[in-house]
Amino acid sequence: MTNKELLYIEDALGHESFMKTCSMNASKQIKDVNLSTYMGELEKKHTDLLNKFLNIL
């Protein structure tokens, strides 16, 4: 893997980690059940994407 590809993956890992954390925090703070559930689904999606990027390495 080239240095440029590694930098891309590092950036993607940081992005997915940030989105996972934001989704998790939002789902805990939102009072609306449907919206909170949706944010939980987004957290799972970003967790899955994070794991896929980690598996590349």
N, C-alpha and C. Protein backbone atom coordinates (compact mmCIF):
# COMPACT_ATOMS: atom_id res chain seq x y z
N MET A 1 0.84 -1.17 0.00
CA MET A 1 0.00 0.00 0.00
C MET A 1 0.89 1.24 0.00
N THR A 2 0.52 2.20 -0.81
CA THR A 2 1.34 3.41 -0.90
C THR A 2 1.06 4.33 0.30
N ASN A 3 1.94 5.29 0.46
CA ASN A 3 1.79 6.25 1.56
C ASN A 3 0.49 7.05 1.39
N LYS A 4 0.17 7.40 0.15
CA LYS A 4 -1.05 8.17 -0.13
C LYS A 4 -2.29 7.35 0.24
N GLU A 5 -2.28 6.06 -0.07
CA GLU A 5 -3.41 5.19 0.27
C GLU A 5 -3.56 5.06 1.79
N LEU A 6 -2.44 4.95 2.49
CA LEU A 6 -2.49 4.86 3.95
C LEU A 6 -3.04 6.14 4.57
N LEU A 7 -2.67 7.29 3.99
CA LEU A 7 -3.20 8.56 4.48
C LEU A 7 -4.71 8.64 4.26
N TYR A 8 -5.18 8.13 3.13
CA TYR A 8 -6.61 8.12 2.85
C TYR A 8 -7.34 7.25 3.87
N ILE A 9 -6.81 6.09 4.15
CA ILE A 9 -7.46 5.19 5.10
C ILE A 9 -7.43 5.79 6.50
N GLU A 10 -6.33 6.42 6.88
CA GLU A 10 -6.25 7.08 8.18
C GLU A 10 -7.31 8.17 8.29
N ASP A 11 -7.48 8.94 7.23
CA ASP A 11 -8.50 9.99 7.21
C ASP A 11 -9.90 9.40 7.31
N ALA A 12 -10.14 8.33 6.58
CA ALA A 12 -11.46 7.67 6.61
C ALA A 12 -11.75 7.09 7.98
N LEU A 13 -10.73 6.51 8.63
CA LEU A 13 -10.91 5.97 9.98
C LEU A 13 -11.29 7.08 10.96
N GLY A 14 -10.61 8.20 10.85
CA GLY A 14 -10.92 9.33 11.72
C GLY A 14 -12.33 9.85 11.50
N HIS A 15 -12.74 9.92 10.24
CA HIS A 15 -14.07 10.41 9.90
C HIS A 15 -15.15 9.47 10.45
N GLU A 16 -14.99 8.17 10.21
CA GLU A 16 -15.99 7.21 10.67
C GLU A 16 -16.04 7.14 12.20
N SER A 17 -14.90 7.26 12.83
CA SER A 17 -14.87 7.27 14.29
C SER A 17 -15.61 8.49 14.84
N PHE A 18 -15.39 9.64 14.22
CA PHE A 18 -16.07 10.87 14.63
C PHE A 18 -17.58 10.75 14.43
N MET A 19 -18.00 10.23 13.28
CA MET A 19 -19.43 10.09 12.99
C MET A 19 -20.08 9.08 13.93
N LYS A 20 -19.37 8.02 14.26
CA LYS A 20 -19.90 7.03 15.20
C LYS A 20 -20.13 7.69 16.56
N THR A 21 -19.15 8.44 17.03
CA THR A 21 -19.25 9.11 18.34
C THR A 21 -20.39 10.13 18.35
N CYS A 22 -20.49 10.91 17.28
CA CYS A 22 -21.57 11.92 17.20
C CYS A 22 -22.93 11.26 17.19
N SER A 23 -23.08 10.19 16.43
CA SER A 23 -24.36 9.48 16.36
C SER A 23 -24.73 8.89 17.71
N MET A 24 -23.75 8.31 18.39
CA MET A 24 -23.99 7.71 19.70
C MET A 24 -24.42 8.77 20.71
N ASN A 25 -23.71 9.88 20.74
CA ASN A 25 -24.06 10.95 21.67
C ASN A 25 -25.43 11.53 21.38
N ALA A 26 -25.74 11.71 20.10
CA ALA A 26 -27.05 12.27 19.73
C ALA A 26 -28.17 11.31 20.10
N SER A 27 -27.98 10.02 19.88
CA SER A 27 -29.04 9.06 20.19
C SER A 27 -29.34 9.02 21.68
N LYS A 28 -28.34 9.29 22.51
CA LYS A 28 -28.54 9.31 23.96
C LYS A 28 -29.25 10.58 24.42
N GLN A 29 -29.07 11.68 23.70
CA GLN A 29 -29.61 12.97 24.13
C GLN A 29 -30.99 13.28 23.56
N ILE A 30 -31.33 12.67 22.45
CA ILE A 30 -32.59 12.99 21.78
C ILE A 30 -33.74 12.30 22.51
N LYS A 31 -34.79 13.07 22.78
CA LYS A 31 -35.95 12.55 23.51
C LYS A 31 -36.93 11.83 22.59
N ASP A 32 -37.02 12.25 21.33
CA ASP A 32 -37.93 11.63 20.37
C ASP A 32 -37.46 10.20 20.09
N VAL A 33 -38.35 9.23 20.33
CA VAL A 33 -37.98 7.82 20.21
C VAL A 33 -37.59 7.46 18.78
N ASN A 34 -38.36 7.90 17.80
CA ASN A 34 -38.05 7.56 16.40
C ASN A 34 -36.72 8.14 15.96
N LEU A 35 -36.48 9.38 16.30
CA LEU A 35 -35.22 10.02 15.92
C LEU A 35 -34.04 9.39 16.65
N SER A 36 -34.23 9.06 17.90
CA SER A 36 -33.18 8.40 18.67
C SER A 36 -32.84 7.03 18.07
N THR A 37 -33.87 6.31 17.65
CA THR A 37 -33.66 5.01 17.01
C THR A 37 -32.89 5.17 15.71
N TYR A 38 -33.26 6.18 14.93
CA TYR A 38 -32.56 6.45 13.68
C TYR A 38 -31.09 6.76 13.93
N MET A 39 -30.81 7.57 14.94
CA MET A 39 -29.42 7.90 15.26
C MET A 39 -28.66 6.64 15.70
N GLY A 40 -29.33 5.73 16.40
CA GLY A 40 -28.72 4.46 16.77
C GLY A 40 -28.37 3.64 15.54
N GLU A 41 -29.25 3.68 14.52
CA GLU A 41 -28.98 2.97 13.27
C GLU A 41 -27.78 3.59 12.55
N LEU A 42 -27.69 4.91 12.59
CA LEU A 42 -26.52 5.58 11.99
C LEU A 42 -25.23 5.19 12.72
N GLU A 43 -25.32 5.09 14.03
CA GLU A 43 -24.14 4.67 14.80
C GLU A 43 -23.68 3.28 14.35
N LYS A 44 -24.64 2.36 14.18
CA LYS A 44 -24.29 1.01 13.73
C LYS A 44 -23.67 1.05 12.33
N LYS A 45 -24.23 1.87 11.45
CA LYS A 45 -23.70 1.97 10.09
C LYS A 45 -22.26 2.46 10.10
N HIS A 46 -21.98 3.49 10.91
CA HIS A 46 -20.62 4.02 10.96
C HIS A 46 -19.66 3.07 11.67
N THR A 47 -20.17 2.30 12.62
CA THR A 47 -19.35 1.27 13.26
C THR A 47 -18.96 0.20 12.24
N ASP A 48 -19.92 -0.21 11.42
CA ASP A 48 -19.64 -1.21 10.38
C ASP A 48 -18.62 -0.68 9.37
N LEU A 49 -18.78 0.57 8.96
CA LEU A 49 -17.82 1.16 8.02
C LEU A 49 -16.43 1.27 8.64
N LEU A 50 -16.37 1.65 9.90
CA LEU A 50 -15.09 1.73 10.61
C LEU A 50 -14.42 0.36 10.63
N ASN A 51 -15.18 -0.68 10.92
CA ASN A 51 -14.62 -2.03 10.96
C ASN A 51 -14.15 -2.47 9.58
N LYS A 52 -14.87 -2.09 8.53
CA LYS A 52 -14.43 -2.45 7.17
C LYS A 52 -13.10 -1.82 6.84
N PHE A 53 -12.95 -0.54 7.21
CA PHE A 53 -11.65 0.12 6.96
C PHE A 53 -10.54 -0.53 7.78
N LEU A 54 -10.83 -0.91 9.01
CA LEU A 54 -9.81 -1.57 9.84
C LEU A 54 -9.42 -2.92 9.26
N ASN A 55 -10.37 -3.61 8.64
CA ASN A 55 -10.08 -4.92 8.05
C ASN A 55 -9.19 -4.80 6.82
N ILE A 56 -9.19 -3.63 6.17
CA ILE A 56 -8.31 -3.42 5.03
C ILE A 56 -6.86 -3.51 5.47
N LEU A 57 -6.62 -3.00 6.67
CA LEU A 57 -5.25 -3.00 7.18
C LEU A 57 -4.89 -4.38 7.65
